[in-house]
Amino acid sequence: MTDSADIRFLLAIQQNGSLIAAARKLGLTPSAVTQRLQQLEKKLGARLIDRTARKLIFTEEGALLCQRGAELIQQFDTLLEDLRIRQGGLVGTLKVNAPLGFGRRYLAPVIADFQQENPDVDVALTLSDQPLTEAADRFDVVVHIGELRASNLVGHAIAPNARFVCASAAFIKRFGNPDTPDDLARLPCIVLRENNEDVSLWHFSKGKTSRSVRVASKLSCNDGDVIRRWACEGRGIILRSEWDVADDIRQGKLVRLLPAWKAPDANVIALTHNRSGLPRRTRDFMQYLQARFRPLPPWRV
């Protein structure tokens, strides 16, 4: 192997999951991808991928080449980036993954401004309703909201974010204002399906007292903007992030319920692969992102 092109080619197949998807990503025909893979295996004298009708299975040799090769590619790209930076500003591609609603409202403007200030950096933003279920190694930065389960990714604090129980004034007039979390079990609620969580079990605390209540929901959605609009229309009670409902509460479209009871915070964090060895464009973007949400995030201004 005389350069990094073969490794990048094999990594494209691994990241895209099929020869057809890799061909689309690389701008090649499927037959050209198959032919190049065969040539690579012939050059190395080893079978790298077992191709079946349903899926691709990397052999031990193929998996090892991807694993070690990815490390070499990262080192090589970082070296080239450092050399280019000596001649000017940031360069390269930055891949970011983020939740749909938060990404649209708050992250997209930040990314657009960062790219404008660093014109030699290409930024690819992917929005998803379940960002942590995506292949994390495909992204340089993954923005996450809420509790983080065990992960080998490194978390960086971006902004504080509480969670509020809300409903419209019309809903409260019709059904009454709950006095305790237990009252929520008898009221129509709307739940957000995300991150494979138990979304109908809501937790609260007041001082040393804790309550968990199973809410009844006839409406649910995987898009937070939809459930927020349903709540504004008086269709039910929601438990939603402060960043999403703060404006509606200020404008009177929603009313915060049970203010003496606190739901678990869902702070905004950004995840990277490691603290040391990150490309400068990733480090600078993280600092830029943190600065945009300090000293107060926009939903608390």
Protein backbone atom coordinates (compact mmCIF):
# COMPACT_ATOMS: atom_id res chain seq x y z
CA MET A 1 0.00 0.00 0.00
CA THR A 2 1.72 3.21 -1.17
CA ASP A 3 -0.63 5.87 0.25
CA SER A 4 -3.67 6.37 2.46
CA ALA A 5 -6.23 6.09 -0.35
CA ASP A 6 -6.75 2.33 0.09
CA ILE A 7 -7.34 2.69 3.82
CA ARG A 8 -9.78 5.55 3.26
CA PHE A 9 -11.58 3.41 0.69
CA LEU A 10 -11.95 0.50 3.11
CA LEU A 11 -13.09 2.81 5.91
CA ALA A 12 -15.76 4.24 3.59
CA ILE A 13 -17.17 0.75 3.13
CA GLN A 14 -17.15 0.11 6.87
CA GLN A 15 -18.78 3.44 7.74
CA ASN A 16 -21.51 3.16 5.11
CA GLY A 17 -22.34 -0.49 5.77
CA SER A 18 -22.67 -1.69 2.19
CA LEU A 19 -20.90 -1.53 -1.16
CA ILE A 20 -23.83 0.32 -2.70
CA ALA A 21 -23.88 2.97 0.04
CA ALA A 22 -20.09 3.31 -0.15
CA ALA A 23 -20.32 3.73 -3.93
CA ARG A 24 -22.85 6.53 -3.46
CA LYS A 25 -20.62 8.21 -0.88
CA LEU A 26 -17.51 7.89 -3.03
CA GLY A 27 -19.24 8.92 -6.24
CA LEU A 28 -18.48 5.59 -7.92
CA THR A 29 -20.56 2.82 -9.44
CA PRO A 30 -21.15 -0.30 -7.32
CA SER A 31 -19.21 -2.37 -9.86
CA ALA A 32 -16.24 0.00 -9.57
CA VAL A 33 -16.27 -0.36 -5.78
CA THR A 34 -16.41 -4.16 -6.04
CA GLN A 35 -13.54 -4.19 -8.53
CA ARG A 36 -11.39 -1.91 -6.39
CA LEU A 37 -12.05 -4.05 -3.31
CA GLN A 38 -10.98 -7.16 -5.22
CA GLN A 39 -7.82 -5.40 -6.37
CA LEU A 40 -7.02 -4.35 -2.81
CA GLU A 41 -7.50 -7.89 -1.50
CA LYS A 42 -5.31 -9.22 -4.29
CA LYS A 43 -2.58 -6.70 -3.50
CA LEU A 44 -2.63 -7.61 0.19
CA GLY A 45 -3.04 -11.33 -0.39
CA ALA A 46 -5.89 -11.49 2.11
CA ARG A 47 -9.68 -11.45 2.03
CA LEU A 48 -10.90 -8.36 3.84
CA ILE A 49 -14.69 -8.64 3.63
CA ASP A 50 -17.02 -11.63 3.36
CA ARG A 51 -19.86 -10.55 1.08
CA THR A 52 -23.25 -12.20 1.60
CA ALA A 53 -26.64 -11.36 0.15
CA ARG A 54 -27.72 -9.52 3.28
CA LYS A 55 -24.67 -7.86 4.82
CA LEU A 56 -20.91 -7.36 4.81
CA ILE A 57 -18.79 -9.09 7.42
CA PHE A 58 -15.23 -7.90 7.86
CA THR A 59 -12.64 -10.62 8.31
CA GLU A 60 -10.08 -10.37 11.12
CA GLU A 61 -7.63 -8.93 8.62
CA GLY A 62 -10.17 -6.40 7.35
CA ALA A 63 -11.20 -5.35 10.86
CA LEU A 64 -7.56 -4.96 11.92
CA LEU A 65 -6.79 -2.87 8.85
CA CYS A 66 -9.76 -0.60 9.58
CA GLN A 67 -8.89 -0.22 13.25
CA ARG A 68 -5.18 0.46 12.85
CA GLY A 69 -5.70 2.27 9.57
CA ALA A 70 -8.18 4.73 11.11
CA GLU A 71 -5.59 5.65 13.72
CA LEU A 72 -2.95 6.20 11.05
CA ILE A 73 -5.32 8.28 8.92
CA GLN A 74 -6.15 10.49 11.90
CA GLN A 75 -2.46 10.99 12.67
CA PHE A 76 -1.72 11.70 9.02
CA ASP A 77 -4.56 14.20 8.67
CA THR A 78 -3.61 15.92 11.92
CA LEU A 79 -0.03 16.25 10.69
CA LEU A 80 -1.15 17.78 7.40
CA GLU A 81 -3.52 20.09 9.24
CA ASP A 82 -0.75 21.30 11.56
CA LEU A 83 1.44 22.02 8.55
CA ARG A 84 -1.33 23.96 6.81
CA ILE A 85 -2.23 25.88 9.96
CA ARG A 86 1.31 27.24 10.03
CA GLN A 87 0.48 28.92 6.75
CA GLY A 88 -2.91 30.30 7.75
CA GLY A 89 -6.18 29.44 9.50
CA LEU A 90 -8.06 26.25 10.25
CA VAL A 91 -8.58 23.64 7.55
CA GLY A 92 -10.29 20.28 7.08
CA THR A 93 -13.74 18.79 7.65
CA LEU A 94 -15.67 18.92 10.91
CA LYS A 95 -18.54 16.43 11.34
CA VAL A 96 -21.14 17.26 14.00
CA ASN A 97 -24.18 15.29 15.13
CA ALA A 98 -26.95 16.84 17.25
CA PRO A 99 -30.61 16.43 18.30
CA LEU A 100 -33.19 17.66 15.80
CA GLY A 101 -34.89 20.52 17.65
CA PHE A 102 -31.89 21.88 19.51
CA GLY A 103 -29.75 21.53 16.42
CA ARG A 104 -32.18 23.49 14.27
CA ARG A 105 -32.77 26.32 16.74
CA TYR A 106 -29.46 26.83 18.51
CA LEU A 107 -26.65 24.83 16.95
CA ALA A 108 -27.16 25.58 13.25
CA PRO A 109 -26.54 29.34 13.65
CA VAL A 110 -23.38 28.67 15.68
CA ILE A 111 -22.03 26.30 13.06
CA ALA A 112 -22.80 28.70 10.22
CA ASP A 113 -20.97 31.52 12.02
CA PHE A 114 -17.99 29.27 12.83
CA GLN A 115 -17.67 28.22 9.21
CA GLN A 116 -17.93 31.80 8.01
CA GLU A 117 -15.10 32.80 10.34
CA ASN A 118 -13.05 29.78 9.20
CA PRO A 119 -13.71 29.54 5.43
CA ASP A 120 -11.25 26.68 4.86
CA VAL A 121 -13.20 24.39 7.23
CA ASP A 122 -16.05 22.30 5.81
CA VAL A 123 -18.71 21.60 8.46
CA ALA A 124 -21.16 18.71 8.00
CA LEU A 125 -24.08 18.89 10.47
CA THR A 126 -26.28 15.82 10.90
CA LEU A 127 -29.50 16.16 12.90
CA SER A 128 -31.06 13.06 14.45
CA ASP A 129 -33.79 12.19 16.93
CA GLN A 130 -31.37 9.70 18.51
CA PRO A 131 -27.83 11.04 18.02
CA LEU A 132 -26.21 8.57 20.41
CA THR A 133 -27.48 5.59 18.44
CA GLU A 134 -25.60 6.79 15.37
CA ALA A 135 -22.11 5.42 14.76
CA ALA A 136 -20.19 7.77 17.04
CA ASP A 137 -16.93 7.21 15.19
CA ARG A 138 -18.46 8.90 12.13
CA PHE A 139 -18.50 12.27 13.92
CA ASP A 140 -15.96 14.60 15.48
CA VAL A 141 -18.50 16.13 17.89
CA VAL A 142 -21.81 14.71 19.17
CA VAL A 143 -24.08 17.15 21.00
CA HIS A 144 -26.19 15.44 23.67
CA ILE A 145 -28.89 16.69 26.05
CA GLY A 146 -29.57 14.93 29.33
CA GLU A 147 -27.97 12.15 31.33
CA LEU A 148 -25.15 10.34 29.58
CA ARG A 149 -24.98 6.58 29.89
CA ALA A 150 -21.67 4.76 30.07
CA SER A 151 -19.59 5.81 27.11
CA ASN A 152 -15.99 5.91 25.98
CA LEU A 153 -16.58 9.44 24.67
CA VAL A 154 -15.36 12.50 26.57
CA GLY A 155 -18.00 15.01 27.70
CA HIS A 156 -17.57 18.81 27.57
CA ALA A 157 -20.09 21.04 29.39
CA ILE A 158 -21.89 23.44 27.04
CA ALA A 159 -24.91 24.88 28.87
CA PRO A 160 -27.24 24.28 31.83
CA ASN A 161 -30.74 23.13 30.96
CA ALA A 162 -33.58 22.42 33.38
CA ARG A 163 -36.76 20.51 32.55
CA PHE A 164 -40.24 21.92 33.19
CA VAL A 165 -43.73 20.45 33.39
CA CYS A 166 -45.98 22.67 31.26
CA ALA A 167 -49.49 23.03 29.90
CA SER A 168 -51.56 25.76 28.29
CA ALA A 169 -53.78 28.09 30.28
CA ALA A 170 -56.81 26.62 28.48
CA PHE A 171 -55.83 23.12 29.57
CA ILE A 172 -55.43 24.23 33.19
CA LYS A 173 -58.83 25.93 33.10
CA ARG A 174 -60.40 22.71 31.85
CA PHE A 175 -58.59 20.12 34.00
CA GLY A 176 -57.27 22.10 36.96
CA ASN A 177 -53.77 22.76 38.24
CA PRO A 178 -51.99 19.71 39.74
CA ASP A 179 -50.83 20.12 43.35
CA THR A 180 -48.37 17.21 43.44
CA PRO A 181 -46.63 14.97 40.88
CA ASP A 182 -49.07 12.19 41.79
CA ASP A 183 -51.88 14.28 40.27
CA LEU A 184 -50.27 13.91 36.84
CA ALA A 185 -51.32 10.25 36.70
CA ARG A 186 -54.97 11.27 36.26
CA LEU A 187 -54.35 14.00 33.68
CA PRO A 188 -53.75 13.73 29.90
CA CYS A 189 -50.03 13.93 29.21
CA ILE A 190 -47.93 13.99 26.05
CA VAL A 191 -44.59 12.17 25.91
CA LEU A 192 -41.49 12.55 23.79
CA ARG A 193 -39.97 9.32 22.55
CA GLU A 194 -36.17 9.66 22.58
CA ASN A 195 -32.97 7.75 23.32
CA ASN A 196 -34.87 4.49 24.03
CA GLU A 197 -35.84 5.82 27.48
CA ASP A 198 -38.88 4.97 29.63
CA VAL A 199 -40.56 8.20 28.59
CA SER A 200 -43.83 7.82 30.51
CA LEU A 201 -42.13 7.52 33.93
CA TRP A 202 -41.51 11.05 35.21
CA HIS A 203 -39.26 11.76 38.21
CA PHE A 204 -39.39 14.71 40.61
CA SER A 205 -37.75 15.89 43.80
CA LYS A 206 -38.44 18.55 46.44
CA GLY A 207 -35.75 18.80 49.04
CA LYS A 208 -35.16 15.25 50.29
CA THR A 209 -38.50 14.01 48.96
CA SER A 210 -38.63 12.11 45.66
CA ARG A 211 -41.61 11.11 43.55
CA SER A 212 -41.93 9.04 40.39
CA VAL A 213 -45.19 8.92 38.51
CA ARG A 214 -46.34 6.89 35.52
CA VAL A 215 -48.27 9.25 33.27
CA ALA A 216 -51.02 8.26 30.85
CA SER A 217 -50.39 9.37 27.30
CA LYS A 218 -52.65 9.20 24.27
CA LEU A 219 -50.26 11.37 22.24
CA SER A 220 -46.55 10.78 21.71
CA CYS A 221 -43.96 11.77 19.12
CA ASN A 222 -40.21 11.57 18.53
CA ASP A 223 -40.10 15.28 17.60
CA GLY A 224 -40.01 17.71 20.52
CA ASP A 225 -41.37 20.56 18.44
CA VAL A 226 -44.52 18.56 17.75
CA ILE A 227 -45.28 17.80 21.40
CA ARG A 228 -44.57 21.42 22.35
CA ARG A 229 -47.11 22.65 19.78
CA TRP A 230 -49.63 20.07 20.99
CA ALA A 231 -49.21 21.39 24.52
CA CYS A 232 -49.67 24.99 23.34
CA GLU A 233 -52.91 23.87 21.69
CA GLY A 234 -54.17 22.55 25.06
CA ARG A 235 -53.94 18.85 24.22
CA GLY A 236 -51.98 17.75 27.29
CA ILE A 237 -49.15 18.22 29.78
CA ILE A 238 -45.53 17.90 28.68
CA LEU A 239 -42.21 17.46 30.49
CA ARG A 240 -39.83 19.38 28.29
CA SER A 241 -36.40 20.99 28.24
CA GLU A 242 -36.11 24.60 29.36
CA TRP A 243 -34.42 25.53 26.06
CA ASP A 244 -37.55 24.47 24.17
CA VAL A 245 -40.33 26.00 26.28
CA ALA A 246 -38.76 29.11 27.89
CA ASP A 247 -40.03 31.43 25.14
CA ASP A 248 -43.55 29.97 25.27
CA ILE A 249 -43.65 30.41 29.06
CA ARG A 250 -42.51 34.06 28.75
CA GLN A 251 -45.15 34.69 26.06
CA GLY A 252 -47.93 33.01 28.07
CA LYS A 253 -48.48 30.20 25.57
CA LEU A 254 -47.51 27.69 28.25
CA VAL A 255 -47.69 27.76 32.04
CA ARG A 256 -45.14 26.02 34.22
CA LEU A 257 -46.75 23.49 36.58
CA LEU A 258 -45.47 22.18 39.91
CA PRO A 259 -42.74 24.84 40.25
CA ALA A 260 -41.85 23.62 43.74
CA TRP A 261 -40.97 20.18 42.32
CA LYS A 262 -37.78 19.74 40.31
CA ALA A 263 -37.37 17.31 37.43
CA PRO A 264 -33.87 16.02 36.68
CA ASP A 265 -31.77 18.50 34.71
CA ALA A 266 -30.92 17.75 31.08
CA ASN A 267 -27.75 19.76 30.60
CA VAL A 268 -26.25 20.26 27.15
CA ILE A 269 -22.91 18.54 26.61
CA ALA A 270 -20.68 17.89 23.63
CA LEU A 271 -18.90 14.58 23.20
CA THR A 272 -15.54 14.00 21.52
CA HIS A 273 -13.33 10.97 21.18
CA ASN A 274 -10.53 12.16 23.45
CA ARG A 275 -9.12 15.31 25.01
CA SER A 276 -5.60 14.99 23.65
CA GLY A 277 -4.81 14.54 19.99
CA LEU A 278 -7.95 16.28 18.73
CA PRO A 279 -7.47 18.24 15.50
CA ARG A 280 -7.22 21.95 16.09
CA ARG A 281 -10.46 22.62 14.18
CA THR A 282 -12.30 20.38 16.69
CA ARG A 283 -10.68 22.02 19.71
CA ASP A 284 -11.39 25.51 18.40
CA PHE A 285 -14.99 24.61 17.56
CA MET A 286 -15.54 23.30 21.10
CA GLN A 287 -14.24 26.56 22.55
CA TYR A 288 -16.35 28.56 20.11
CA LEU A 289 -19.46 26.54 21.01
CA GLN A 290 -18.92 26.96 24.75
CA ALA A 291 -18.35 30.70 24.38
CA ARG A 292 -21.66 31.14 22.53
CA PHE A 293 -23.61 29.72 25.49
CA ARG A 294 -21.80 31.64 28.26
CA PRO A 295 -22.24 33.27 30.70
CA LEU A 296 -25.95 32.50 30.19
CA PRO A 297 -27.53 30.33 27.49
CA PRO A 298 -29.96 32.18 25.20
CA TRP A 299 -33.02 30.60 26.81
CA ARG A 300 -32.12 32.31 30.14
CA VAL A 301 -31.27 35.75 28.77
